[in-house]
Amino acid sequence: MDTTDHQHLIDELDTLLDQIAMLLQRFEATGCNAPLKADYIALHELQARALKQRQEHACAMAGDPQRTTPATRREGLH
């Protein structure tokens, strides 16, 4: 992957993270976080995976190969 590829994925992950944040806010504002607890937790887990993958791409762009792991790339967001 080159810098352009990494940046494209970072941009896509940023969009996903914004959408997750908005959905979490809607869950909380409507009180759905309690009755739909499993879904609410799953959104937080998705958010954590996206943040981790974003960090890995940022580190790869900065030339820090020790901060990227092949196992994370298999988690499914890219």
PDB file of N, CA and C in Angstrom:
ATOM      1  N   MET A   1       0.839  -1.188   0.000  1.00  0.00           N
ATOM      2  CA  MET A   1       0.000   0.000   0.000  1.00  0.00           C
ATOM      3  C   MET A   1       0.878   1.243   0.000  1.00  0.00           C
ATOM      4  N   ASP A   2       0.448   2.226  -0.759  1.00  0.00           N
ATOM      5  CA  ASP A   2       1.189   3.479  -0.739  1.00  0.00           C
ATOM      6  C   ASP A   2       0.435   4.504   0.119  1.00  0.00           C
ATOM      7  N   THR A   3       1.024   5.675   0.232  1.00  0.00           N
ATOM      8  CA  THR A   3       0.447   6.724   1.084  1.00  0.00           C
ATOM      9  C   THR A   3      -0.966   7.093   0.657  1.00  0.00           C
ATOM     10  N   THR A   4      -1.217   7.123  -0.630  1.00  0.00           N
ATOM     11  CA  THR A   4      -2.553   7.466  -1.137  1.00  0.00           C
ATOM     12  C   THR A   4      -3.587   6.430  -0.693  1.00  0.00           C
ATOM     13  N   ASP A   5      -3.212   5.158  -0.764  1.00  0.00           N
ATOM     14  CA  ASP A   5      -4.123   4.092  -0.323  1.00  0.00           C
ATOM     15  C   ASP A   5      -4.427   4.210   1.165  1.00  0.00           C
ATOM     16  N   HIS A   6      -3.377   4.422   1.947  1.00  0.00           N
ATOM     17  CA  HIS A   6      -3.574   4.577   3.394  1.00  0.00           C
ATOM     18  C   HIS A   6      -4.487   5.773   3.692  1.00  0.00           C
ATOM     19  N   GLN A   7      -4.235   6.889   3.010  1.00  0.00           N
ATOM     20  CA  GLN A   7      -5.048   8.085   3.256  1.00  0.00           C
ATOM     21  C   GLN A   7      -6.502   7.846   2.870  1.00  0.00           C
ATOM     22  N   HIS A   8      -6.729   7.145   1.775  1.00  0.00           N
ATOM     23  CA  HIS A   8      -8.096   6.841   1.356  1.00  0.00           C
ATOM     24  C   HIS A   8      -8.808   6.013   2.434  1.00  0.00           C
ATOM     25  N   LEU A   9      -8.116   5.008   2.960  1.00  0.00           N
ATOM     26  CA  LEU A   9      -8.724   4.175   4.004  1.00  0.00           C
ATOM     27  C   LEU A   9      -8.946   4.971   5.289  1.00  0.00           C
ATOM     28  N   ILE A  10      -8.025   5.842   5.629  1.00  0.00           N
ATOM     29  CA  ILE A  10      -8.206   6.702   6.807  1.00  0.00           C
ATOM     30  C   ILE A  10      -9.441   7.575   6.620  1.00  0.00           C
ATOM     31  N   ASP A  11      -9.604   8.141   5.434  1.00  0.00           N
ATOM     32  CA  ASP A  11     -10.787   8.973   5.162  1.00  0.00           C
ATOM     33  C   ASP A  11     -12.077   8.161   5.287  1.00  0.00           C
ATOM     34  N   GLU A  12     -12.068   6.943   4.754  1.00  0.00           N
ATOM     35  CA  GLU A  12     -13.246   6.076   4.855  1.00  0.00           C
ATOM     36  C   GLU A  12     -13.530   5.708   6.310  1.00  0.00           C
ATOM     37  N   LEU A  13     -12.486   5.412   7.055  1.00  0.00           N
ATOM     38  CA  LEU A  13     -12.670   5.083   8.472  1.00  0.00           C
ATOM     39  C   LEU A  13     -13.176   6.292   9.255  1.00  0.00           C
ATOM     40  N   ASP A  14     -12.695   7.492   8.912  1.00  0.00           N
ATOM     41  CA  ASP A  14     -13.197   8.711   9.565  1.00  0.00           C
ATOM     42  C   ASP A  14     -14.695   8.885   9.320  1.00  0.00           C
ATOM     43  N   THR A  15     -15.128   8.613   8.086  1.00  0.00           N
ATOM     44  CA  THR A  15     -16.558   8.700   7.768  1.00  0.00           C
ATOM     45  C   THR A  15     -17.345   7.684   8.585  1.00  0.00           C
ATOM     46  N   LEU A  16     -16.835   6.471   8.643  1.00  0.00           N
ATOM     47  CA  LEU A  16     -17.492   5.426   9.434  1.00  0.00           C
ATOM     48  C   LEU A  16     -17.547   5.818  10.911  1.00  0.00           C
ATOM     49  N   LEU A  17     -16.454   6.339  11.438  1.00  0.00           N
ATOM     50  CA  LEU A  17     -16.416   6.736  12.851  1.00  0.00           C
ATOM     51  C   LEU A  17     -17.417   7.865  13.135  1.00  0.00           C
ATOM     52  N   ASP A  18     -17.556   8.803  12.208  1.00  0.00           N
ATOM     53  CA  ASP A  18     -18.552   9.872  12.379  1.00  0.00           C
ATOM     54  C   ASP A  18     -19.967   9.292  12.411  1.00  0.00           C
ATOM     55  N   GLN A  19     -20.236   8.341  11.518  1.00  0.00           N
ATOM     56  CA  GLN A  19     -21.565   7.725  11.475  1.00  0.00           C
ATOM     57  C   GLN A  19     -21.843   6.927  12.753  1.00  0.00           C
ATOM     58  N   ILE A  20     -20.848   6.219  13.235  1.00  0.00           N
ATOM     59  CA  ILE A  20     -21.019   5.453  14.481  1.00  0.00           C
ATOM     60  C   ILE A  20     -21.290   6.408  15.634  1.00  0.00           C
ATOM     61  N   ALA A  21     -20.534   7.504  15.705  1.00  0.00           N
ATOM     62  CA  ALA A  21     -20.724   8.470  16.792  1.00  0.00           C
ATOM     63  C   ALA A  21     -22.137   9.054  16.767  1.00  0.00           C
ATOM     64  N   MET A  22     -22.621   9.389  15.568  1.00  0.00           N
ATOM     65  CA  MET A  22     -23.980   9.928  15.461  1.00  0.00           C
ATOM     66  C   MET A  22     -25.020   8.888  15.889  1.00  0.00           C
ATOM     67  N   LEU A  23     -24.807   7.647  15.490  1.00  0.00           N
ATOM     68  CA  LEU A  23     -25.752   6.597  15.858  1.00  0.00           C
ATOM     69  C   LEU A  23     -25.734   6.341  17.368  1.00  0.00           C
ATOM     70  N   LEU A  24     -24.570   6.367  17.965  1.00  0.00           N
ATOM     71  CA  LEU A  24     -24.484   6.202  19.421  1.00  0.00           C
ATOM     72  C   LEU A  24     -25.208   7.341  20.134  1.00  0.00           C
ATOM     73  N   GLN A  25     -25.048   8.560  19.629  1.00  0.00           N
ATOM     74  CA  GLN A  25     -25.758   9.699  20.223  1.00  0.00           C
ATOM     75  C   GLN A  25     -27.266   9.521  20.107  1.00  0.00           C
ATOM     76  N   ARG A  26     -27.715   9.017  18.962  1.00  0.00           N
ATOM     77  CA  ARG A  26     -29.153   8.783  18.782  1.00  0.00           C
ATOM     78  C   ARG A  26     -29.657   7.703  19.732  1.00  0.00           C
ATOM     79  N   PHE A  27     -28.871   6.640  19.902  1.00  0.00           N
ATOM     80  CA  PHE A  27     -29.230   5.592  20.860  1.00  0.00           C
ATOM     81  C   PHE A  27     -29.423   6.195  22.241  1.00  0.00           C
ATOM     82  N   GLU A  28     -28.481   7.018  22.662  1.00  0.00           N
ATOM     83  CA  GLU A  28     -28.523   7.609  24.002  1.00  0.00           C
ATOM     84  C   GLU A  28     -29.658   8.620  24.135  1.00  0.00           C
ATOM     85  N   ALA A  29     -29.862   9.441  23.112  1.00  0.00           N
ATOM     86  CA  ALA A  29     -30.900  10.472  23.165  1.00  0.00           C
ATOM     87  C   ALA A  29     -32.303   9.884  23.214  1.00  0.00           C
ATOM     88  N   THR A  30     -32.489   8.732  22.589  1.00  0.00           N
ATOM     89  CA  THR A  30     -33.817   8.119  22.560  1.00  0.00           C
ATOM     90  C   THR A  30     -34.007   7.061  23.637  1.00  0.00           C
ATOM     91  N   GLY A  31     -32.962   6.822  24.411  1.00  0.00           N
ATOM     92  CA  GLY A  31     -33.062   5.832  25.481  1.00  0.00           C
ATOM     93  C   GLY A  31     -33.007   4.395  25.001  1.00  0.00           C
ATOM     94  N   CYS A  32     -32.548   4.197  23.787  1.00  0.00           N
ATOM     95  CA  CYS A  32     -32.486   2.838  23.237  1.00  0.00           C
ATOM     96  C   CYS A  32     -31.263   2.059  23.703  1.00  0.00           C
ATOM     97  N   ASN A  33     -30.320   2.733  24.336  1.00  0.00           N
ATOM     98  CA  ASN A  33     -29.103   2.044  24.754  1.00  0.00           C
ATOM     99  C   ASN A  33     -29.365   0.991  25.823  1.00  0.00           C
ATOM    100  N   ALA A  34     -30.431   1.129  26.603  1.00  0.00           N
ATOM    101  CA  ALA A  34     -30.750   0.104  27.609  1.00  0.00           C
ATOM    102  C   ALA A  34     -31.519  -1.072  26.991  1.00  0.00           C
ATOM    103  N   PRO A  35     -32.646  -0.833  26.294  1.00  0.00           N
ATOM    104  CA  PRO A  35     -33.376  -1.974  25.743  1.00  0.00           C
ATOM    105  C   PRO A  35     -32.641  -2.689  24.601  1.00  0.00           C
ATOM    106  N   LEU A  36     -31.767  -1.985  23.912  1.00  0.00           N
ATOM    107  CA  LEU A  36     -30.998  -2.581  22.820  1.00  0.00           C
ATOM    108  C   LEU A  36     -29.519  -2.641  23.206  1.00  0.00           C
ATOM    109  N   LYS A  37     -29.271  -3.122  24.414  1.00  0.00           N
ATOM    110  CA  LYS A  37     -27.925  -3.109  24.981  1.00  0.00           C
ATOM    111  C   LYS A  37     -26.910  -3.855  24.112  1.00  0.00           C
ATOM    112  N   ALA A  38     -27.273  -5.014  23.578  1.00  0.00           N
ATOM    113  CA  ALA A  38     -26.340  -5.789  22.753  1.00  0.00           C
ATOM    114  C   ALA A  38     -25.937  -5.000  21.505  1.00  0.00           C
ATOM    115  N   ASP A  39     -26.897  -4.331  20.874  1.00  0.00           N
ATOM    116  CA  ASP A  39     -26.596  -3.518  19.694  1.00  0.00           C
ATOM    117  C   ASP A  39     -25.721  -2.322  20.062  1.00  0.00           C
ATOM    118  N   TYR A  40     -26.011  -1.717  21.186  1.00  0.00           N
ATOM    119  CA  TYR A  40     -25.246  -0.564  21.668  1.00  0.00           C
ATOM    120  C   TYR A  40     -23.791  -0.972  21.927  1.00  0.00           C
ATOM    121  N   ILE A  41     -23.610  -2.106  22.558  1.00  0.00           N
ATOM    122  CA  ILE A  41     -22.258  -2.614  22.827  1.00  0.00           C
ATOM    123  C   ILE A  41     -21.556  -2.962  21.523  1.00  0.00           C
ATOM    124  N   ALA A  42     -22.271  -3.561  20.586  1.00  0.00           N
ATOM    125  CA  ALA A  42     -21.682  -3.908  19.290  1.00  0.00           C
ATOM    126  C   ALA A  42     -21.203  -2.653  18.551  1.00  0.00           C
ATOM    127  N   LEU A  43     -21.937  -1.565  18.669  1.00  0.00           N
ATOM    128  CA  LEU A  43     -21.509  -0.311  18.041  1.00  0.00           C
ATOM    129  C   LEU A  43     -20.209   0.193  18.666  1.00  0.00           C
ATOM    130  N   HIS A  44     -20.107   0.085  19.984  1.00  0.00           N
ATOM    131  CA  HIS A  44     -18.864   0.489  20.655  1.00  0.00           C
ATOM    132  C   HIS A  44     -17.694  -0.395  20.223  1.00  0.00           C
ATOM    133  N   GLU A  45     -17.944  -1.678  20.051  1.00  0.00           N
ATOM    134  CA  GLU A  45     -16.890  -2.590  19.601  1.00  0.00           C
ATOM    135  C   GLU A  45     -16.463  -2.265  18.169  1.00  0.00           C
ATOM    136  N   LEU A  46     -17.425  -1.958  17.315  1.00  0.00           N
ATOM    137  CA  LEU A  46     -17.118  -1.557  15.947  1.00  0.00           C
ATOM    138  C   LEU A  46     -16.295  -0.269  15.939  1.00  0.00           C
ATOM    139  N   GLN A  47     -16.679   0.650  16.787  1.00  0.00           N
ATOM    140  CA  GLN A  47     -15.956   1.911  16.904  1.00  0.00           C
ATOM    141  C   GLN A  47     -14.495   1.668  17.322  1.00  0.00           C
ATOM    142  N   ALA A  48     -14.294   0.788  18.280  1.00  0.00           N
ATOM    143  CA  ALA A  48     -12.941   0.476  18.746  1.00  0.00           C
ATOM    144  C   ALA A  48     -12.107  -0.156  17.631  1.00  0.00           C
ATOM    145  N   ARG A  49     -12.704  -1.074  16.868  1.00  0.00           N
ATOM    146  CA  ARG A  49     -11.975  -1.709  15.756  1.00  0.00           C
ATOM    147  C   ARG A  49     -11.609  -0.684  14.684  1.00  0.00           C
ATOM    148  N   ALA A  50     -12.540   0.200  14.371  1.00  0.00           N
ATOM    149  CA  ALA A  50     -12.279   1.226  13.355  1.00  0.00           C
ATOM    150  C   ALA A  50     -11.176   2.177  13.819  1.00  0.00           C
ATOM    151  N   LEU A  51     -11.198   2.555  15.089  1.00  0.00           N
ATOM    152  CA  LEU A  51     -10.144   3.424  15.619  1.00  0.00           C
ATOM    153  C   LEU A  51      -8.779   2.745  15.560  1.00  0.00           C
ATOM    154  N   LYS A  52      -8.747   1.475  15.890  1.00  0.00           N
ATOM    155  CA  LYS A  52      -7.490   0.728  15.857  1.00  0.00           C
ATOM    156  C   LYS A  52      -6.960   0.640  14.433  1.00  0.00           C
ATOM    157  N   GLN A  53      -7.833   0.355  13.487  1.00  0.00           N
ATOM    158  CA  GLN A  53      -7.404   0.261  12.095  1.00  0.00           C
ATOM    159  C   GLN A  53      -6.958   1.616  11.557  1.00  0.00           C
ATOM    160  N   ARG A  54      -7.639   2.676  11.974  1.00  0.00           N
ATOM    161  CA  ARG A  54      -7.244   4.020  11.552  1.00  0.00           C
ATOM    162  C   ARG A  54      -5.839   4.328  12.056  1.00  0.00           C
ATOM    163  N   GLN A  55      -5.579   3.985  13.311  1.00  0.00           N
ATOM    164  CA  GLN A  55      -4.263   4.225  13.899  1.00  0.00           C
ATOM    165  C   GLN A  55      -3.185   3.433  13.153  1.00  0.00           C
ATOM    166  N   GLU A  56      -3.507   2.202  12.791  1.00  0.00           N
ATOM    167  CA  GLU A  56      -2.536   1.384  12.059  1.00  0.00           C
ATOM    168  C   GLU A  56      -2.190   1.996  10.709  1.00  0.00           C
ATOM    169  N   HIS A  57      -3.182   2.519  10.007  1.00  0.00           N
ATOM    170  CA  HIS A  57      -2.920   3.142   8.713  1.00  0.00           C
ATOM    171  C   HIS A  57      -2.130   4.437   8.885  1.00  0.00           C
ATOM    172  N   ALA A  58      -2.433   5.190   9.921  1.00  0.00           N
ATOM    173  CA  ALA A  58      -1.684   6.420  10.183  1.00  0.00           C
ATOM    174  C   ALA A  58      -0.229   6.098  10.510  1.00  0.00           C
ATOM    175  N   CYS A  59      -0.003   5.063  11.296  1.00  0.00           N
ATOM    176  CA  CYS A  59       1.365   4.658  11.634  1.00  0.00           C
ATOM    177  C   CYS A  59       2.093   4.135  10.404  1.00  0.00           C
ATOM    178  N   ALA A  60       1.398   3.403   9.554  1.00  0.00           N
ATOM    179  CA  ALA A  60       2.018   2.897   8.335  1.00  0.00           C
ATOM    180  C   ALA A  60       2.436   4.055   7.429  1.00  0.00           C
ATOM    181  N   MET A  61       1.610   5.088   7.370  1.00  0.00           N
ATOM    182  CA  MET A  61       1.958   6.272   6.575  1.00  0.00           C
ATOM    183  C   MET A  61       3.182   6.964   7.146  1.00  0.00           C
ATOM    184  N   ALA A  62       3.300   6.927   8.477  1.00  0.00           N
ATOM    185  CA  ALA A  62       4.426   7.586   9.140  1.00  0.00           C
ATOM    186  C   ALA A  62       5.676   6.713   9.123  1.00  0.00           C
ATOM    187  N   GLY A  63       5.540   5.480   8.615  1.00  0.00           N
ATOM    188  CA  GLY A  63       6.686   4.594   8.519  1.00  0.00           C
ATOM    189  C   GLY A  63       7.010   3.867   9.803  1.00  0.00           C
ATOM    190  N   ASP A  64       6.001   3.553  10.603  1.00  0.00           N
ATOM    191  CA  ASP A  64       6.192   2.835  11.871  1.00  0.00           C
ATOM    192  C   ASP A  64       5.606   1.436  11.737  1.00  0.00           C
ATOM    193  N   PRO A  65       6.348   0.482  11.130  1.00  0.00           N
ATOM    194  CA  PRO A  65       5.794  -0.851  10.881  1.00  0.00           C
ATOM    195  C   PRO A  65       5.503  -1.652  12.145  1.00  0.00           C
ATOM    196  N   GLN A  66       6.106  -1.313  13.263  1.00  0.00           N
ATOM    197  CA  GLN A  66       5.850  -2.056  14.500  1.00  0.00           C
ATOM    198  C   GLN A  66       4.466  -1.774  15.055  1.00  0.00           C
ATOM    199  N   ARG A  67       3.823  -0.709  14.618  1.00  0.00           N
ATOM    200  CA  ARG A  67       2.491  -0.361  15.112  1.00  0.00           C
ATOM    201  C   ARG A  67       1.385  -0.997  14.287  1.00  0.00           C
ATOM    202  N   THR A  68       1.731  -1.698  13.212  1.00  0.00           N
ATOM    203  CA  THR A  68       0.723  -2.366  12.389  1.00  0.00           C
ATOM    204  C   THR A  68       0.846  -3.865  12.572  1.00  0.00           C
ATOM    205  N   THR A  69      -0.291  -4.549  12.601  1.00  0.00           N
ATOM    206  CA  THR A  69      -0.287  -5.990  12.784  1.00  0.00           C
ATOM    207  C   THR A  69      -1.169  -6.642  11.743  1.00  0.00           C
ATOM    208  N   PRO A  70      -0.735  -7.737  11.133  1.00  0.00           N
ATOM    209  CA  PRO A  70      -1.560  -8.417  10.133  1.00  0.00           C
ATOM    210  C   PRO A  70      -2.878  -8.920  10.699  1.00  0.00           C
ATOM    211  N   ALA A  71      -2.924  -9.308  11.951  1.00  0.00           N
ATOM    212  CA  ALA A  71      -4.153  -9.851  12.537  1.00  0.00           C
ATOM    213  C   ALA A  71      -5.284  -8.832  12.482  1.00  0.00           C
ATOM    214  N   THR A  72      -5.000  -7.565  12.708  1.00  0.00           N
ATOM    215  CA  THR A  72      -6.033  -6.537  12.706  1.00  0.00           C
ATOM    216  C   THR A  72      -6.589  -6.335  11.315  1.00  0.00           C
ATOM    217  N   ARG A  73      -5.761  -6.442  10.308  1.00  0.00           N
ATOM    218  CA  ARG A  73      -6.241  -6.246   8.950  1.00  0.00           C
ATOM    219  C   ARG A  73      -7.252  -7.316   8.557  1.00  0.00           C
ATOM    220  N   ARG A  74      -7.274  -8.431   9.254  1.00  0.00           N
ATOM    221  CA  ARG A  74      -8.228  -9.489   8.949  1.00  0.00           C
ATOM    222  C   ARG A  74      -9.551  -9.297   9.662  1.00  0.00           C
ATOM    223  N   GLU A  75      -9.740  -8.250  10.437  1.00  0.00           N
ATOM    224  CA  GLU A  75     -10.968  -8.061  11.203  1.00  0.00           C
ATOM    225  C   GLU A  75     -12.152  -7.648  10.364  1.00  0.00           C
ATOM    226  N   GLY A  76     -11.943  -7.238   9.122  1.00  0.00           N
ATOM    227  CA  GLY A  76     -13.079  -7.069   8.245  1.00  0.00           C
ATOM    228  C   GLY A  76     -13.499  -5.685   7.843  1.00  0.00           C
ATOM    229  N   LEU A  77     -12.883  -4.631   8.325  1.00  0.00           N
ATOM    230  CA  LEU A  77     -13.332  -3.317   7.910  1.00  0.00           C
ATOM    231  C   LEU A  77     -12.673  -2.864   6.616  1.00  0.00           C
ATOM    232  N   HIS A  78     -11.641  -3.541   6.179  1.00  0.00           N
ATOM    233  CA  HIS A  78     -11.029  -3.182   4.896  1.00  0.00           C
ATOM    234  C   HIS A  78     -10.448  -4.370   4.235  1.00  0.00           C
TER     235      HIS A  78
END
